[in-house]
């Protein structure tokens, strides 16, 4: 049995790895990036599989039953058999526009997005079921609610040549495309995350704020509308605890902070510094994620370190890496997948940290 923090699997890529996904049972790990080969590898014992794709892979998602893989590569989306790589269907989402994200929504439908379009596609045929357009601003990030009925969008409204500082976090019903809630900080919104019940959304923006708001109607929950949230420095990434109690937010000051989801109050931060210790100048945190049981969180930073830590910020391990482009836990919590500029890694969290 390996020690927590052991690299259990290393997947070589001819270039960077921008997208990763674990199968629902945690037994397979898929990775893709700047080359034209999507790789599926067993986390324990099994047969590796390579799938040739049309361009750089920017998104991967396993279907809820693990039988299919949705893949975003360059301008197209494809649905593939996860054991053979055979394409069920494939085609462009919006000709001339790169696909940035792919997820599974309600009823197994595929949700994919470009800079300005969110599309809901039928799993059987790839037929468009819904289009949500955001024009001319940029979709900087999105999240799909756990029940697959809503999508939250982080929108950067600085683009389009207007040179104004503006942004918004928006919530749409996927079935109808209707916008049901919007929050407008004083600058571009970088990231959004749904609470497990889909009723609240966490967002962070370029005005140095992190805000919680109600998905229906957009009312800000915290901080109070007349207060300034100055607890973080340029927050750029965030995640919601799957149990709904905590959030984790990464800032440019090099810390990942655990906050109470109801109040925004800080519980802990990683790394933990000794009292009165000088700021060591950690690199900006670029990615964060919560384990499925909500007891651990992971972060990646510009100083090329991946950290696993508890709710108080105490580190369980640190692993040096190349520059990290994406991270995510396996559904059972045993593994942490990491995509880097040089390929992909699967880090062992240890049997004690499985769900």
Protein backbone atom coordinates (compact mmCIF):
# COMPACT_ATOMS: atom_id res chain seq x y z
CA UNK A 1 0.00 0.00 0.00
CA UNK A 2 1.54 3.31 -1.08
CA UNK A 3 1.92 6.37 1.13
CA UNK A 4 -0.43 9.33 0.56
CA UNK A 5 1.21 11.67 -1.94
CA UNK A 6 2.70 8.85 -4.03
CA UNK A 7 2.35 9.33 -7.77
CA UNK A 8 0.53 6.12 -8.67
CA UNK A 9 0.20 6.77 -12.39
CA UNK A 10 2.03 9.03 -14.83
CA UNK A 11 0.56 9.53 -18.29
CA UNK A 12 2.90 10.97 -20.89
CA UNK A 13 1.54 13.44 -23.44
CA UNK A 14 3.21 15.06 -26.42
CA UNK A 15 2.63 18.47 -24.89
CA UNK A 16 0.30 19.72 -22.20
CA UNK A 17 -2.68 18.00 -20.57
CA UNK A 18 -5.64 20.37 -20.21
CA UNK A 19 -8.48 17.94 -19.41
CA UNK A 20 -8.90 14.96 -17.08
CA UNK A 21 -11.77 12.77 -15.84
CA UNK A 22 -12.26 9.70 -13.67
CA UNK A 23 -14.86 7.04 -14.43
CA UNK A 24 -17.72 6.86 -11.89
CA UNK A 25 -16.19 3.74 -10.29
CA UNK A 26 -12.74 5.36 -10.11
CA UNK A 27 -11.12 2.51 -12.02
CA UNK A 28 -10.29 4.49 -15.16
CA UNK A 29 -8.58 7.83 -15.74
CA UNK A 30 -8.90 9.80 -18.98
CA UNK A 31 -6.60 12.63 -20.02
CA UNK A 32 -6.26 14.81 -23.09
CA UNK A 33 -4.46 17.93 -24.19
CA UNK A 34 -2.53 19.67 -26.90
CA UNK A 35 -1.82 16.55 -28.97
CA UNK A 36 -4.50 14.58 -30.85
CA UNK A 37 -4.60 11.51 -28.63
CA UNK A 38 -6.98 11.04 -25.71
CA UNK A 39 -5.64 8.47 -23.26
CA UNK A 40 -7.67 6.24 -20.92
CA UNK A 41 -5.66 4.38 -18.29
CA UNK A 42 -6.63 1.98 -15.47
CA UNK A 43 -5.97 3.24 -11.95
CA UNK A 44 -5.34 -0.35 -10.82
CA UNK A 45 -5.40 -3.21 -13.35
CA UNK A 46 -6.84 -3.03 -16.84
CA UNK A 47 -6.18 -2.36 -20.50
CA UNK A 48 -5.06 1.10 -21.65
CA UNK A 49 -6.93 2.76 -24.49
CA UNK A 50 -5.91 5.56 -26.86
CA UNK A 51 -8.48 7.53 -28.87
CA UNK A 52 -7.47 9.66 -31.84
CA UNK A 53 -9.25 13.03 -31.86
CA UNK A 54 -9.34 15.94 -34.27
CA UNK A 55 -7.54 18.59 -32.23
CA UNK A 56 -6.49 19.74 -28.79
CA UNK A 57 -8.70 18.27 -26.05
CA UNK A 58 -10.14 20.89 -23.70
CA UNK A 59 -12.82 18.87 -21.92
CA UNK A 60 -13.62 15.28 -20.97
CA UNK A 61 -16.55 13.83 -19.03
CA UNK A 62 -17.65 10.27 -18.29
CA UNK A 63 -21.37 9.56 -18.50
CA UNK A 64 -23.06 8.71 -15.17
CA UNK A 65 -22.96 4.98 -16.03
CA UNK A 66 -19.35 5.18 -17.23
CA UNK A 67 -20.16 3.75 -20.65
CA UNK A 68 -19.63 6.91 -22.69
CA UNK A 69 -17.10 9.72 -22.86
CA UNK A 70 -18.02 13.23 -23.97
CA UNK A 71 -15.01 14.97 -25.50
CA UNK A 72 -14.40 18.57 -26.49
CA UNK A 73 -11.61 18.93 -29.00
CA UNK A 74 -10.98 22.09 -30.98
CA UNK A 75 -14.30 23.10 -32.63
CA UNK A 76 -16.18 19.85 -32.14
CA UNK A 77 -17.86 17.71 -29.52
CA UNK A 78 -17.95 13.94 -29.73
CA UNK A 79 -19.56 11.15 -27.76
CA UNK A 80 -17.52 7.96 -27.62
CA UNK A 81 -17.76 4.46 -26.25
CA UNK A 82 -15.46 4.60 -23.22
CA UNK A 83 -14.17 1.05 -23.66
CA UNK A 84 -13.52 1.04 -27.42
CA UNK A 85 -13.14 4.71 -28.34
CA UNK A 86 -15.70 4.36 -31.14
CA UNK A 87 -17.49 7.63 -31.91
CA UNK A 88 -21.27 7.50 -31.43
CA UNK A 89 -21.55 10.97 -32.96
CA UNK A 90 -19.39 14.03 -33.45
CA UNK A 91 -19.67 17.47 -34.94
CA UNK A 92 -18.93 21.18 -34.47
CA UNK A 93 -20.68 23.10 -31.74
CA UNK A 94 -20.32 26.50 -33.39
CA UNK A 95 -18.18 26.56 -36.58
CA UNK A 96 -15.15 28.77 -36.07
CA UNK A 97 -15.39 28.68 -32.26
CA UNK A 98 -13.35 26.39 -30.02
CA UNK A 99 -15.20 24.26 -27.48
CA UNK A 100 -13.89 24.94 -23.97
CA UNK A 101 -15.98 22.74 -21.69
CA UNK A 102 -18.09 19.58 -21.77
CA UNK A 103 -20.24 18.09 -18.98
CA UNK A 104 -23.21 15.77 -18.55
CA UNK A 105 -26.52 17.31 -17.53
CA UNK A 106 -29.98 15.97 -16.75
CA UNK A 107 -31.18 12.79 -18.50
CA UNK A 108 -27.61 12.14 -19.66
CA UNK A 109 -27.67 15.07 -22.05
CA UNK A 110 -24.33 16.66 -22.93
CA UNK A 111 -23.65 20.29 -21.96
CA UNK A 112 -20.85 21.98 -23.90
CA UNK A 113 -19.68 25.58 -24.16
CA UNK A 114 -17.61 27.93 -26.32
CA UNK A 115 -16.69 31.49 -25.35
CA UNK A 116 -20.21 32.69 -26.14
CA UNK A 117 -22.49 29.65 -26.41
CA UNK A 118 -23.77 26.96 -24.06
CA UNK A 119 -25.41 24.04 -25.87
CA UNK A 120 -27.45 21.12 -24.54
CA UNK A 121 -27.09 18.08 -26.82
CA UNK A 122 -29.07 14.86 -26.98
CA UNK A 123 -26.86 11.95 -25.92
CA UNK A 124 -28.26 9.53 -28.48
CA UNK A 125 -27.93 11.74 -31.55
CA UNK A 126 -25.94 14.88 -30.71
CA UNK A 127 -28.96 16.96 -31.74
CA UNK A 128 -29.20 20.45 -30.24
CA UNK A 129 -31.89 20.61 -27.55
CA UNK A 130 -31.09 24.08 -26.23
CA UNK A 131 -28.83 27.06 -27.00
CA UNK A 132 -27.89 29.74 -24.48
CA UNK A 133 -25.92 32.61 -26.01
CA UNK A 134 -23.76 35.16 -24.21
CA UNK A 135 -22.78 37.81 -26.72
CA UNK A 136 -20.40 39.60 -26.98
CA UNK A 137 -18.83 38.86 -23.53
CA UNK A 138 -16.68 35.85 -22.69
CA UNK A 139 -17.75 32.77 -20.72
CA UNK A 140 -14.80 32.41 -18.35
CA UNK A 141 -16.19 29.36 -16.52
CA UNK A 142 -19.32 27.36 -15.82
CA UNK A 143 -20.83 24.82 -13.48
CA UNK A 144 -23.80 22.47 -13.86
CA UNK A 145 -26.02 21.85 -10.84
CA UNK A 146 -25.88 18.39 -9.32
CA UNK A 147 -29.39 17.56 -10.55
CA UNK A 148 -28.40 18.68 -14.05
CA UNK A 149 -31.18 21.25 -14.44
CA UNK A 150 -29.25 24.52 -14.16
CA UNK A 151 -26.05 26.05 -15.46
CA UNK A 152 -24.12 28.85 -13.77
CA UNK A 153 -21.91 31.05 -15.95
CA UNK A 154 -18.93 33.21 -15.02
CA UNK A 155 -18.94 36.06 -17.54
CA UNK A 156 -16.11 38.46 -18.33
CA UNK A 157 -17.67 41.59 -19.84
CA UNK A 158 -14.37 43.41 -20.38
CA UNK A 159 -14.02 41.94 -23.85
CA UNK A 160 -15.33 43.41 -27.08
CA UNK A 161 -13.19 46.54 -27.10
CA UNK A 162 -15.26 48.50 -24.58
CA UNK A 163 -12.39 48.61 -22.02
CA UNK A 164 -14.79 48.80 -19.09
CA UNK A 165 -14.49 46.80 -15.92
CA UNK A 166 -17.60 44.64 -15.81
CA UNK A 167 -18.70 41.08 -15.25
CA UNK A 168 -21.57 38.94 -14.09
CA UNK A 169 -22.49 35.55 -12.71
CA UNK A 170 -25.63 34.19 -14.35
CA UNK A 171 -27.86 31.18 -13.76
CA UNK A 172 -29.98 29.62 -16.53
CA UNK A 173 -32.47 26.77 -16.61
CA UNK A 174 -31.04 24.23 -19.04
CA UNK A 175 -34.44 22.98 -20.22
CA UNK A 176 -35.62 26.41 -21.40
CA UNK A 177 -32.47 28.54 -21.52
CA UNK A 178 -34.22 31.11 -19.31
CA UNK A 179 -32.03 33.27 -17.09
CA UNK A 180 -33.30 33.03 -13.51
CA UNK A 181 -30.62 34.86 -11.55
CA UNK A 182 -27.74 37.29 -12.03
CA UNK A 183 -25.14 38.89 -9.77
CA UNK A 184 -23.02 41.80 -11.04
CA UNK A 185 -19.76 42.51 -9.19
CA UNK A 186 -17.61 45.47 -10.19
CA UNK A 187 -15.42 43.50 -12.58
CA UNK A 188 -15.05 40.29 -14.57
CA UNK A 189 -16.24 37.05 -12.94
CA UNK A 190 -13.67 34.25 -13.15
CA UNK A 191 -15.34 31.19 -11.63
CA UNK A 192 -18.67 29.90 -10.32
CA UNK A 193 -19.74 26.83 -8.32
CA UNK A 194 -23.17 25.51 -7.34
CA UNK A 195 -24.08 24.41 -3.85
CA UNK A 196 -25.08 20.72 -3.83
CA UNK A 197 -28.79 21.56 -3.81
CA UNK A 198 -28.44 24.04 -6.67
CA UNK A 199 -30.04 26.84 -4.63
CA UNK A 200 -26.92 28.97 -4.15
CA UNK A 201 -23.92 29.89 -6.29
CA UNK A 202 -20.43 30.94 -5.23
CA UNK A 203 -18.49 33.27 -7.51
CA UNK A 204 -15.21 35.17 -7.51
CA UNK A 205 -14.37 38.27 -9.49
CA UNK A 206 -11.55 40.58 -10.56
CA UNK A 207 -12.75 43.20 -8.05
CA UNK A 208 -11.09 41.02 -5.36
CA UNK A 209 -14.40 39.69 -4.05
CA UNK A 210 -15.93 36.30 -3.36
CA UNK A 211 -19.73 36.34 -3.16
CA UNK A 212 -22.48 33.85 -2.43
CA UNK A 213 -25.84 34.45 -4.09
CA UNK A 214 -29.20 32.79 -4.57
CA UNK A 215 -29.57 31.01 -7.91
CA UNK A 216 -33.20 32.04 -8.17
CA UNK A 217 -33.36 35.82 -8.29
CA UNK A 218 -29.66 36.60 -7.70
CA UNK A 219 -29.92 37.98 -4.16
CA UNK A 220 -26.48 38.28 -2.56
CA UNK A 221 -26.24 36.14 0.60
CA UNK A 222 -22.75 37.21 1.71
CA UNK A 223 -20.98 39.44 2.24
CA UNK A 224 -23.68 41.99 3.08
CA UNK A 225 -24.27 44.23 0.04
CA UNK A 226 -22.78 47.27 1.83
CA UNK A 227 -19.66 45.40 2.97
CA UNK A 228 -16.42 44.91 1.09
CA UNK A 229 -15.02 41.39 1.08
CA UNK A 230 -11.32 42.12 1.62
CA UNK A 231 -10.39 38.73 3.03
CA UNK A 232 -8.88 37.49 -0.24
CA UNK A 233 -6.34 38.76 -2.74
CA UNK A 234 -7.41 38.43 -6.35
CA UNK A 235 -9.36 35.18 -6.02
CA UNK A 236 -9.41 33.20 -9.26
CA UNK A 237 -10.61 29.67 -8.44
CA UNK A 238 -13.11 28.08 -6.09
CA UNK A 239 -15.06 24.94 -5.23
CA UNK A 240 -18.08 23.98 -3.13
CA UNK A 241 -17.90 21.15 -0.63
CA UNK A 242 -20.14 18.27 -1.86
CA UNK A 243 -21.84 18.27 1.55
CA UNK A 244 -22.72 21.97 1.25
CA UNK A 245 -20.97 23.15 4.43
CA UNK A 246 -17.71 24.63 3.16
CA UNK A 247 -16.12 26.39 0.21
CA UNK A 248 -12.48 26.63 -0.82
CA UNK A 249 -11.11 29.67 -2.65
CA UNK A 250 -7.64 30.17 -4.11
CA UNK A 251 -6.01 33.61 -4.22
CA UNK A 252 -3.01 35.25 -5.86
CA UNK A 253 -1.34 35.58 -2.44
CA UNK A 254 -0.66 31.82 -2.53
CA UNK A 255 -3.25 30.65 -0.01
CA UNK A 256 -6.29 28.39 -0.41
CA UNK A 257 -8.89 29.36 2.18
CA UNK A 258 -11.62 27.17 3.63
CA UNK A 259 -14.72 29.29 4.29
CA UNK A 260 -18.06 28.61 5.95
CA UNK A 261 -20.62 28.32 3.16
CA UNK A 262 -23.32 30.05 5.23
CA UNK A 263 -21.31 33.07 6.36
CA UNK A 264 -18.09 33.29 4.35
CA UNK A 265 -16.04 33.20 7.57
CA UNK A 266 -12.61 31.61 7.21
CA UNK A 267 -11.99 28.33 9.01
CA UNK A 268 -8.48 27.57 7.81
CA UNK A 269 -5.97 28.13 5.04
CA UNK A 270 -3.22 26.22 3.33
CA UNK A 271 -0.32 26.47 3.63
CA UNK A 272 -0.41 27.05 7.41
CA UNK A 273 2.27 29.49 8.57
CA UNK A 274 3.83 29.60 12.00
CA UNK A 275 2.70 32.57 14.16
CA UNK A 276 4.50 35.80 13.20
CA UNK A 277 6.32 34.02 10.37
CA UNK A 278 7.13 36.25 7.37
CA UNK A 279 5.13 35.71 4.20
CA UNK A 280 7.28 33.31 2.14
CA UNK A 281 5.81 34.57 -1.14
CA UNK A 282 3.97 31.48 -2.34
CA UNK A 283 2.91 31.40 -5.96
CA UNK A 284 -0.71 32.23 -6.81
CA UNK A 285 -3.22 29.41 -6.35
CA UNK A 286 -4.63 28.50 -9.76
CA UNK A 287 -6.83 25.44 -9.07
CA UNK A 288 -8.76 24.04 -6.10
CA UNK A 289 -11.03 21.04 -5.54
CA UNK A 290 -12.90 19.31 -2.72
CA UNK A 291 -12.81 15.60 -1.98
CA UNK A 292 -16.16 13.77 -2.33
CA UNK A 293 -16.58 13.43 1.45
CA UNK A 294 -15.92 17.15 2.00
CA UNK A 295 -13.16 16.53 4.54
CA UNK A 296 -10.17 17.35 2.34
CA UNK A 297 -9.31 19.89 -0.32
CA UNK A 298 -6.56 20.13 -2.90
CA UNK A 299 -4.83 23.10 -4.48
CA UNK A 300 -2.28 23.79 -7.19
CA UNK A 301 -0.20 26.93 -7.36
CA UNK A 302 2.21 28.81 -9.59
CA UNK A 303 5.15 27.59 -7.51
CA UNK A 304 4.40 24.16 -9.06
CA UNK A 305 3.18 22.43 -5.91
CA UNK A 306 0.02 20.35 -5.43
CA UNK A 307 -1.24 20.27 -1.84
CA UNK A 308 -3.79 18.07 -0.08
CA UNK A 309 -5.06 19.51 3.21
CA UNK A 310 -7.86 19.25 5.75
CA UNK A 311 -10.47 21.87 6.66
CA UNK A 312 -8.07 23.58 9.07
CA UNK A 313 -5.40 23.87 6.37
CA UNK A 314 -3.12 21.16 7.74
CA UNK A 315 -1.27 19.56 4.85
CA UNK A 316 -1.42 15.79 4.34
CA UNK A 317 1.06 15.96 1.48
CA UNK A 318 2.72 18.19 -1.08
CA UNK A 319 3.81 16.98 -4.51
CA UNK A 320 6.08 18.99 -6.85
CA UNK A 321 4.78 19.11 -10.43
CA UNK A 322 5.09 20.93 -13.69
CA UNK A 323 2.69 23.87 -14.14
CA UNK A 324 -0.81 22.57 -13.35
CA UNK A 325 -3.68 23.14 -15.80
CA UNK A 326 -6.44 21.13 -14.09
CA UNK A 327 -7.10 18.97 -11.02
CA UNK A 328 -9.92 16.73 -9.81
CA UNK A 329 -10.71 13.94 -7.32
CA UNK A 330 -11.90 10.47 -8.24
CA UNK A 331 -15.53 9.81 -7.18
CA UNK A 332 -14.35 7.57 -4.32
CA UNK A 333 -11.78 10.11 -3.11
CA UNK A 334 -8.86 7.69 -3.40
CA UNK A 335 -7.12 9.50 -6.24
CA UNK A 336 -6.28 13.07 -7.23
CA UNK A 337 -5.89 13.59 -10.96
CA UNK A 338 -3.62 16.38 -12.19
CA UNK A 339 -3.12 17.72 -15.72
CA UNK A 340 0.14 19.61 -16.28
CA UNK A 341 2.18 21.22 -19.02
CA UNK A 342 4.04 17.90 -19.38
CA UNK A 343 1.26 15.30 -19.08
CA UNK A 344 -1.03 13.86 -16.42
CA UNK A 345 -0.57 12.39 -12.94
CA UNK A 346 -2.73 10.33 -10.61
CA UNK A 347 -1.73 10.86 -6.97
CA UNK A 348 -2.67 8.34 -4.29
CA UNK A 349 -4.55 9.95 -1.37
CA UNK A 350 -4.40 6.72 0.63
CA UNK A 351 -7.08 4.17 1.50
CA UNK A 352 -7.99 6.06 4.67
CA UNK A 353 -9.32 8.93 2.58
CA UNK A 354 -11.71 6.96 0.42
CA UNK A 355 -15.40 7.74 0.78
